Amino acid sequence: MNFKFKIVTRSLLALSTGVSLSFVILTPARAAEPSASPVPVASPAATSAASVAIPTATTASPSGVPVVSPSPSVAATLSASDKKKLLAEYARAQANQEKALQHTSRSELKQLQAAQGQRSRSWRESERKKRKDYFESHTSGPDRRTFVQDYLKRKKELDDAQKGDYEDAKKKWATKLEDLRKKQKDQALEFKSKVDQGQRPDSGLWPN
């Protein structure tokens, strides 16, 4: 019986090496084609080169058929221009945050001064009425001098109390501003570190 060589190539991809193997199968020659020229057999090197696949681009499925797997996506990084814009925008946001705190502190201190002024005017008006009534009923000099001395003492107590309240309020806002600046400094360092690494900082680092 006459035989002719028939090349059958199957790519078996090993998970670790990615080597392709070629098999040569002998099949009987057809009787109706006695004069057919034998099929040339390609060299193992040629068939192997034609069927070798890139190991990182394929994986073996349960059926043995190679399956192309998607390439891992690369995380987007910030460009130099994006980094510059982000840092400038962050600096403006922190400056605006500080300005807002200073504006609030000035506004509340003005309101405190206005309230104290109103209290002083009401107190003086009340003291004038008291003095008038007292002087009408006490005509002697010593009695009146005693009243005036008591009045000056009460006035000093009021002035000292209001001054102390104002100084306490100023100190409170100064402490808030100092704490804010310290917090901003730490956050700015963390923000810049992430930007330098090409990462976009999360919203928690932005002034609120």
Protein backbone atom coordinates (compact mmCIF):
# COMPACT_ATOMS: atom_id res chain seq x y z
CA MET A 1 0.00 0.00 0.00
CA ASN A 2 1.26 3.46 -0.90
CA PHE A 3 1.47 6.15 1.76
CA LYS A 4 1.95 9.82 1.53
CA PHE A 5 2.88 12.21 4.26
CA LYS A 6 0.32 14.69 5.43
CA ILE A 7 1.39 17.45 7.79
CA VAL A 8 -0.96 18.22 10.63
CA THR A 9 0.18 20.95 12.95
CA ARG A 10 -1.32 21.56 16.36
CA SER A 11 -0.15 24.37 18.62
CA LEU A 12 0.04 23.16 22.16
CA LEU A 13 0.99 26.04 24.30
CA ALA A 14 2.62 25.18 27.56
CA LEU A 15 1.80 27.64 30.27
CA SER A 16 5.44 28.10 31.22
CA THR A 17 7.37 27.75 27.89
CA GLY A 18 4.93 28.50 25.05
CA VAL A 19 6.55 25.84 22.77
CA SER A 20 4.61 24.66 19.70
CA LEU A 21 4.82 20.98 18.69
CA SER A 22 4.23 19.63 15.16
CA PHE A 23 2.99 16.12 14.40
CA VAL A 24 3.40 14.20 11.12
CA ILE A 25 0.61 11.72 10.41
CA LEU A 26 0.84 8.98 7.74
CA THR A 27 -2.29 8.54 5.67
CA PRO A 28 -2.89 6.06 2.78
CA ALA A 29 -2.61 7.53 -0.72
CA ARG A 30 -5.80 7.54 -2.77
CA ALA A 31 -5.94 4.87 -5.49
CA ALA A 32 -7.38 7.35 -7.97
CA GLU A 33 -4.33 9.58 -7.68
CA PRO A 34 -1.31 7.31 -8.22
CA SER A 35 0.70 9.97 -9.99
CA ALA A 36 0.13 12.72 -7.41
CA SER A 37 3.32 14.31 -6.31
CA PRO A 38 4.20 13.78 -2.68
CA VAL A 39 3.54 16.73 -0.42
CA PRO A 40 6.81 18.32 0.65
CA VAL A 41 7.43 18.17 4.34
CA ALA A 42 8.33 21.45 5.93
CA SER A 43 11.29 21.49 8.24
CA PRO A 44 10.56 21.33 11.98
CA ALA A 45 12.20 24.72 12.43
CA ALA A 46 9.90 26.38 9.88
CA THR A 47 6.71 24.89 11.25
CA SER A 48 7.73 25.64 14.79
CA ALA A 49 8.54 29.25 13.95
CA ALA A 50 5.24 29.73 12.15
CA SER A 51 3.17 28.47 15.04
CA VAL A 52 4.96 29.86 18.10
CA ALA A 53 2.75 32.33 20.01
CA ILE A 54 3.73 34.93 22.59
CA PRO A 55 3.28 33.29 26.01
CA THR A 56 2.15 36.48 27.74
CA ALA A 57 -0.63 37.08 25.21
CA THR A 58 -2.33 33.69 25.46
CA THR A 59 -3.58 31.27 28.07
CA ALA A 60 -4.80 27.71 27.82
CA SER A 61 -8.51 27.12 28.12
CA PRO A 62 -9.92 23.88 29.64
CA SER A 63 -10.48 22.56 26.08
CA GLY A 64 -6.83 23.03 25.18
CA VAL A 65 -7.56 25.83 22.69
CA PRO A 66 -5.39 28.93 23.19
CA VAL A 67 -7.34 31.96 24.38
CA VAL A 68 -6.03 35.50 24.02
CA SER A 69 -6.21 37.33 27.32
CA PRO A 70 -6.43 41.14 27.54
CA SER A 71 -3.29 43.03 28.50
CA PRO A 72 -3.34 44.52 32.02
CA SER A 73 -4.40 48.15 32.00
CA VAL A 74 -1.86 50.72 33.11
CA ALA A 75 -3.00 53.29 35.67
CA ALA A 76 -3.11 56.78 34.23
CA THR A 77 -0.49 59.13 35.66
CA LEU A 78 -0.50 62.91 35.89
CA SER A 79 1.43 64.87 33.33
CA ALA A 80 3.86 67.61 34.36
CA SER A 81 1.28 70.21 33.32
CA ASP A 82 -1.45 68.52 35.37
CA LYS A 83 0.82 68.41 38.43
CA LYS A 84 1.58 72.12 38.15
CA LYS A 85 -2.09 73.03 37.78
CA LEU A 86 -3.15 70.84 40.71
CA LEU A 87 -0.55 72.31 43.06
CA ALA A 88 -1.47 75.88 42.07
CA GLU A 89 -5.17 75.18 42.51
CA TYR A 90 -4.55 73.57 45.89
CA ALA A 91 -2.50 76.55 47.08
CA ARG A 92 -5.33 78.91 46.08
CA ALA A 93 -7.88 76.74 47.88
CA GLN A 94 -5.86 76.81 51.09
CA ALA A 95 -5.35 80.58 50.83
CA ASN A 96 -9.10 81.08 50.38
CA GLN A 97 -9.78 78.84 53.37
CA GLU A 98 -7.52 80.97 55.56
CA LYS A 99 -9.07 84.19 54.27
CA ALA A 100 -12.54 82.85 55.06
CA LEU A 101 -11.52 82.09 58.65
CA GLN A 102 -9.96 85.54 59.07
CA HIS A 103 -13.09 87.17 57.66
CA THR A 104 -15.28 85.24 60.10
CA SER A 105 -13.06 86.17 63.05
CA ARG A 106 -13.11 89.89 62.15
CA SER A 107 -16.86 89.81 61.68
CA GLU A 108 -17.51 88.19 65.06
CA LEU A 109 -15.09 90.50 66.87
CA LYS A 110 -16.88 93.50 65.37
CA GLN A 111 -20.20 92.09 66.51
CA LEU A 112 -18.78 91.62 70.01
CA GLN A 113 -17.54 95.21 70.08
CA ALA A 114 -20.92 96.47 68.92
CA ALA A 115 -22.67 94.46 71.62
CA GLN A 116 -20.27 95.75 74.27
CA GLY A 117 -20.76 99.32 73.10
CA GLN A 118 -24.50 98.97 73.40
CA ARG A 119 -24.13 97.49 76.87
CA SER A 120 -21.87 100.39 77.95
CA ARG A 121 -24.34 102.98 76.69
CA SER A 122 -27.21 101.31 78.49
CA TRP A 123 -25.14 101.06 81.67
CA ARG A 124 -24.13 104.74 81.58
CA GLU A 125 -27.73 105.78 81.00
CA SER A 126 -28.80 103.76 84.00
CA GLU A 127 -25.98 105.23 86.14
CA ARG A 128 -26.95 108.78 85.23
CA LYS A 129 -30.49 108.16 86.47
CA LYS A 130 -29.15 106.61 89.67
CA ARG A 131 -26.83 109.56 90.28
CA LYS A 132 -29.62 112.08 89.70
CA ASP A 133 -31.90 110.33 92.14
CA TYR A 134 -29.11 109.97 94.70
CA PHE A 135 -27.96 113.57 94.47
CA GLU A 136 -31.54 114.81 94.93
CA SER A 137 -31.78 112.96 98.20
CA HIS A 138 -28.16 113.50 99.34
CA THR A 139 -27.00 117.07 99.27
CA SER A 140 -23.89 116.74 101.42
CA GLY A 141 -20.49 116.61 99.77
CA PRO A 142 -19.17 113.47 101.51
CA ASP A 143 -22.22 111.44 100.52
CA ARG A 144 -21.94 112.51 96.93
CA ARG A 145 -18.20 111.78 96.86
CA THR A 146 -18.91 108.28 98.13
CA PHE A 147 -21.44 107.75 95.35
CA VAL A 148 -18.98 108.98 92.72
CA GLN A 149 -16.24 106.70 94.05
CA ASP A 150 -18.59 103.72 93.91
CA TYR A 151 -19.61 104.73 90.39
CA LEU A 152 -15.99 104.81 89.21
CA LYS A 153 -15.40 101.42 90.77
CA ARG A 154 -18.43 99.92 89.00
CA LYS A 155 -17.35 101.51 85.71
CA LYS A 156 -13.85 100.03 85.98
CA GLU A 157 -15.30 96.59 86.67
CA LEU A 158 -17.49 96.85 83.59
CA ASP A 159 -14.64 98.08 81.40
CA ASP A 160 -12.29 95.34 82.64
CA ALA A 161 -14.92 92.65 82.06
CA GLN A 162 -15.58 93.81 78.51
CA LYS A 163 -11.89 94.11 77.76
CA GLY A 164 -11.30 90.59 79.09
CA ASP A 165 -14.15 89.20 76.97
CA TYR A 166 -12.71 90.83 73.86
CA GLU A 167 -9.18 89.56 74.54
CA ASP A 168 -10.49 86.04 75.11
CA ALA A 169 -12.35 86.17 71.81
CA LYS A 170 -9.24 87.41 69.97
CA LYS A 171 -7.14 84.63 71.52
CA LYS A 172 -9.74 82.04 70.50
CA TRP A 173 -9.64 83.11 66.86
CA ALA A 174 -5.84 83.38 66.87
CA THR A 175 -5.66 79.78 68.10
CA LYS A 176 -8.07 78.64 65.40
CA LEU A 177 -5.97 80.36 62.74
CA GLU A 178 -2.76 78.81 64.09
CA ASP A 179 -4.34 75.34 64.14
CA LEU A 180 -5.60 75.80 60.59
CA ARG A 181 -2.18 76.82 59.29
CA LYS A 182 -0.56 73.81 60.94
CA LYS A 183 -3.17 71.49 59.47
CA GLN A 184 -2.79 73.06 56.04
CA LYS A 185 0.98 72.60 56.15
CA ASP A 186 0.68 68.88 56.89
CA GLN A 187 -2.01 68.40 54.24
CA ALA A 188 -0.02 70.34 51.65
CA LEU A 189 2.99 68.05 52.17
CA GLU A 190 0.83 64.95 51.75
CA PHE A 191 -0.93 66.46 48.73
CA LYS A 192 2.37 67.31 47.01
CA SER A 193 3.77 63.85 47.76
CA LYS A 194 0.86 62.17 45.98
CA VAL A 195 1.05 64.56 43.03
CA ASP A 196 4.80 63.98 42.68
CA GLN A 197 4.05 60.24 42.45
CA GLY A 198 1.63 60.92 39.60
CA GLN A 199 -1.46 60.27 41.73
CA ARG A 200 -4.53 62.48 41.96
CA PRO A 201 -5.15 63.15 45.68
CA ASP A 202 -8.56 62.26 47.06
CA SER A 203 -11.11 64.84 48.13
CA GLY A 204 -10.30 64.45 51.82
CA LEU A 205 -7.12 66.51 51.42
CA TRP A 206 -8.88 69.47 49.84
CA PRO A 207 -9.94 72.41 52.06
CA ASN A 208 -13.58 72.30 53.06
